[in-house]
Amino acid sequence: MILENNYLKVEINQKGAEVIGMYDKNKSKSLMWSGEMPWWGRVSPVLFPIVGGLNNNTLIHEGKKVIMSF
């Protein structure tokens, strides 16, 4: 999905609503990492609902254990 106005063009992956591209029309410049190899072959890592790992894949929320495997 692409959203744009006179200033910006934004590309959004419909699966997960991840912003995968942003372009500044006035500066004719991309504002996001393009996911080029060999440095990082993706646009962004999975950041929802947890950033990073969990001890034993377990989250304790309000006293209840929630197993989260990825």
N, C-alpha and C. Protein backbone atom coordinates (compact mmCIF):
# COMPACT_ATOMS: atom_id res chain seq x y z
N MET A 1 0.85 -1.16 0.00
CA MET A 1 0.00 0.00 0.00
C MET A 1 0.90 1.23 0.00
N ILE A 2 0.55 2.21 -0.80
CA ILE A 2 1.32 3.45 -0.87
C ILE A 2 0.43 4.62 -0.48
N LEU A 3 0.93 5.43 0.45
CA LEU A 3 0.28 6.67 0.85
C LEU A 3 1.21 7.80 0.45
N GLU A 4 0.65 8.86 -0.13
CA GLU A 4 1.53 9.98 -0.48
C GLU A 4 0.77 11.29 -0.53
N ASN A 5 1.56 12.34 -0.37
CA ASN A 5 1.05 13.70 -0.52
C ASN A 5 2.09 14.48 -1.31
N ASN A 6 2.06 15.79 -1.25
CA ASN A 6 3.02 16.59 -2.01
C ASN A 6 4.44 16.52 -1.47
N TYR A 7 4.61 16.02 -0.25
CA TYR A 7 5.91 16.03 0.41
C TYR A 7 6.53 14.65 0.57
N LEU A 8 5.70 13.65 0.89
CA LEU A 8 6.19 12.32 1.20
C LEU A 8 5.46 11.24 0.42
N LYS A 9 6.19 10.14 0.22
CA LYS A 9 5.60 8.92 -0.32
C LYS A 9 6.01 7.82 0.65
N VAL A 10 5.01 7.11 1.20
CA VAL A 10 5.27 6.08 2.21
C VAL A 10 4.71 4.76 1.70
N GLU A 11 5.54 3.72 1.76
CA GLU A 11 5.11 2.38 1.36
C GLU A 11 4.94 1.54 2.62
N ILE A 12 3.78 0.88 2.73
CA ILE A 12 3.45 0.10 3.92
C ILE A 12 3.12 -1.33 3.50
N ASN A 13 3.74 -2.29 4.18
CA ASN A 13 3.42 -3.69 3.96
C ASN A 13 2.07 -3.97 4.62
N GLN A 14 1.12 -4.43 3.86
CA GLN A 14 -0.22 -4.67 4.41
C GLN A 14 -0.23 -5.80 5.43
N LYS A 15 0.75 -6.69 5.36
CA LYS A 15 0.86 -7.75 6.36
C LYS A 15 1.68 -7.20 7.52
N GLY A 16 1.04 -6.83 8.59
CA GLY A 16 1.72 -6.32 9.77
C GLY A 16 1.84 -4.82 9.84
N ALA A 17 1.38 -4.11 8.82
CA ALA A 17 1.41 -2.64 8.79
C ALA A 17 2.81 -2.09 9.00
N GLU A 18 3.82 -2.80 8.48
CA GLU A 18 5.21 -2.37 8.61
C GLU A 18 5.53 -1.31 7.55
N VAL A 19 6.07 -0.19 7.97
CA VAL A 19 6.52 0.83 7.03
C VAL A 19 7.81 0.30 6.39
N ILE A 20 7.79 0.13 5.07
CA ILE A 20 8.96 -0.44 4.39
C ILE A 20 9.65 0.55 3.47
N GLY A 21 9.10 1.74 3.33
CA GLY A 21 9.76 2.75 2.52
C GLY A 21 9.19 4.13 2.80
N MET A 22 10.08 5.12 2.79
CA MET A 22 9.64 6.50 2.97
C MET A 22 10.55 7.38 2.11
N TYR A 23 9.94 8.22 1.29
CA TYR A 23 10.68 9.02 0.33
C TYR A 23 10.28 10.49 0.46
N ASP A 24 11.29 11.36 0.63
CA ASP A 24 11.08 12.80 0.72
C ASP A 24 11.09 13.37 -0.69
N LYS A 25 9.95 13.82 -1.18
CA LYS A 25 9.84 14.32 -2.55
C LYS A 25 10.60 15.62 -2.76
N ASN A 26 10.63 16.49 -1.75
CA ASN A 26 11.33 17.78 -1.88
C ASN A 26 12.84 17.60 -1.98
N LYS A 27 13.38 16.66 -1.24
CA LYS A 27 14.82 16.42 -1.24
C LYS A 27 15.23 15.31 -2.21
N SER A 28 14.24 14.66 -2.83
CA SER A 28 14.51 13.52 -3.73
C SER A 28 15.42 12.51 -3.05
N LYS A 29 14.99 12.11 -1.85
CA LYS A 29 15.86 11.26 -1.03
C LYS A 29 15.03 10.25 -0.24
N SER A 30 15.51 9.01 -0.21
CA SER A 30 14.88 7.99 0.62
C SER A 30 15.22 8.27 2.08
N LEU A 31 14.25 8.09 2.96
CA LEU A 31 14.45 8.37 4.38
C LEU A 31 14.56 7.10 5.22
N MET A 32 14.56 5.94 4.56
CA MET A 32 14.63 4.67 5.30
C MET A 32 15.69 3.77 4.72
N TRP A 33 16.16 2.89 5.58
CA TRP A 33 17.09 1.85 5.16
C TRP A 33 16.39 0.94 4.16
N SER A 34 17.06 0.57 3.10
CA SER A 34 16.43 -0.20 2.03
C SER A 34 16.57 -1.71 2.19
N GLY A 35 17.29 -2.16 3.21
CA GLY A 35 17.44 -3.60 3.43
C GLY A 35 18.46 -4.24 2.52
N GLU A 36 19.53 -3.51 2.21
CA GLU A 36 20.55 -4.02 1.29
C GLU A 36 21.51 -4.97 1.97
N MET A 37 21.89 -6.00 1.26
CA MET A 37 22.93 -6.91 1.72
C MET A 37 24.26 -6.24 1.45
N PRO A 38 25.35 -6.55 2.07
CA PRO A 38 25.52 -7.63 3.06
C PRO A 38 25.31 -7.20 4.50
N TRP A 39 24.91 -5.96 4.74
CA TRP A 39 24.83 -5.47 6.11
C TRP A 39 23.61 -5.98 6.85
N TRP A 40 22.44 -5.79 6.29
CA TRP A 40 21.20 -6.23 6.95
C TRP A 40 20.19 -6.45 5.84
N GLY A 41 19.84 -7.70 5.58
CA GLY A 41 19.02 -8.03 4.43
C GLY A 41 17.53 -7.85 4.60
N ARG A 42 17.13 -7.13 5.62
CA ARG A 42 15.71 -6.88 5.85
C ARG A 42 15.49 -5.41 6.11
N VAL A 43 14.25 -5.00 6.08
CA VAL A 43 13.94 -3.59 6.37
C VAL A 43 13.93 -3.36 7.87
N SER A 44 13.24 -4.20 8.62
CA SER A 44 13.23 -4.08 10.07
C SER A 44 12.95 -5.45 10.69
N PRO A 45 13.46 -5.67 11.89
CA PRO A 45 13.16 -6.93 12.57
C PRO A 45 11.76 -6.87 13.19
N VAL A 46 11.30 -8.00 13.65
CA VAL A 46 10.01 -8.05 14.34
C VAL A 46 10.15 -7.32 15.68
N LEU A 47 9.36 -6.29 15.90
CA LEU A 47 9.47 -5.50 17.12
C LEU A 47 8.19 -5.50 17.94
N PHE A 48 7.24 -6.35 17.59
CA PHE A 48 5.98 -6.36 18.32
C PHE A 48 5.62 -7.80 18.63
N PRO A 49 5.19 -8.14 19.79
CA PRO A 49 4.93 -7.28 20.94
C PRO A 49 6.13 -7.14 21.86
N ILE A 50 7.22 -7.86 21.61
CA ILE A 50 8.39 -7.83 22.48
C ILE A 50 9.63 -7.49 21.66
N VAL A 51 10.47 -6.61 22.17
CA VAL A 51 11.75 -6.32 21.55
C VAL A 51 12.80 -7.10 22.32
N GLY A 52 13.43 -8.05 21.65
CA GLY A 52 14.44 -8.88 22.30
C GLY A 52 13.87 -10.21 22.73
N GLY A 53 14.66 -10.94 23.49
CA GLY A 53 14.25 -12.27 23.92
C GLY A 53 13.69 -12.28 25.33
N LEU A 54 13.07 -13.40 25.66
CA LEU A 54 12.51 -13.60 26.99
C LEU A 54 13.15 -14.83 27.61
N ASN A 55 13.39 -14.80 28.90
CA ASN A 55 13.92 -15.95 29.61
C ASN A 55 12.91 -17.09 29.51
N ASN A 56 13.31 -18.21 28.94
CA ASN A 56 12.44 -19.36 28.75
C ASN A 56 11.19 -19.03 27.94
N ASN A 57 11.26 -18.02 27.07
CA ASN A 57 10.11 -17.60 26.25
C ASN A 57 8.88 -17.29 27.09
N THR A 58 9.09 -16.82 28.31
CA THR A 58 7.98 -16.60 29.25
C THR A 58 7.92 -15.15 29.69
N LEU A 59 6.74 -14.57 29.58
CA LEU A 59 6.45 -13.23 30.05
C LEU A 59 5.51 -13.35 31.24
N ILE A 60 5.78 -12.62 32.30
CA ILE A 60 4.88 -12.62 33.44
C ILE A 60 4.19 -11.26 33.46
N HIS A 61 2.87 -11.28 33.27
CA HIS A 61 2.08 -10.05 33.23
C HIS A 61 0.95 -10.16 34.24
N GLU A 62 0.94 -9.22 35.16
CA GLU A 62 -0.07 -9.20 36.24
C GLU A 62 -0.16 -10.54 36.94
N GLY A 63 1.01 -11.13 37.19
CA GLY A 63 1.08 -12.39 37.93
C GLY A 63 0.80 -13.63 37.12
N LYS A 64 0.48 -13.49 35.86
CA LYS A 64 0.19 -14.65 35.01
C LYS A 64 1.33 -14.88 34.03
N LYS A 65 1.72 -16.15 33.85
CA LYS A 65 2.76 -16.51 32.90
C LYS A 65 2.16 -16.63 31.51
N VAL A 66 2.83 -16.03 30.56
CA VAL A 66 2.42 -16.10 29.16
C VAL A 66 3.62 -16.62 28.37
N ILE A 67 3.44 -17.76 27.71
CA ILE A 67 4.51 -18.34 26.89
C ILE A 67 4.45 -17.68 25.51
N MET A 68 5.58 -17.14 25.08
CA MET A 68 5.64 -16.49 23.78
C MET A 68 6.79 -17.10 22.99
N SER A 69 6.50 -17.94 22.04
CA SER A 69 7.54 -18.52 21.21
C SER A 69 7.51 -17.87 19.83
N PHE A 70 8.67 -17.66 19.28
CA PHE A 70 8.77 -16.98 17.99
C PHE A 70 9.47 -17.88 17.01
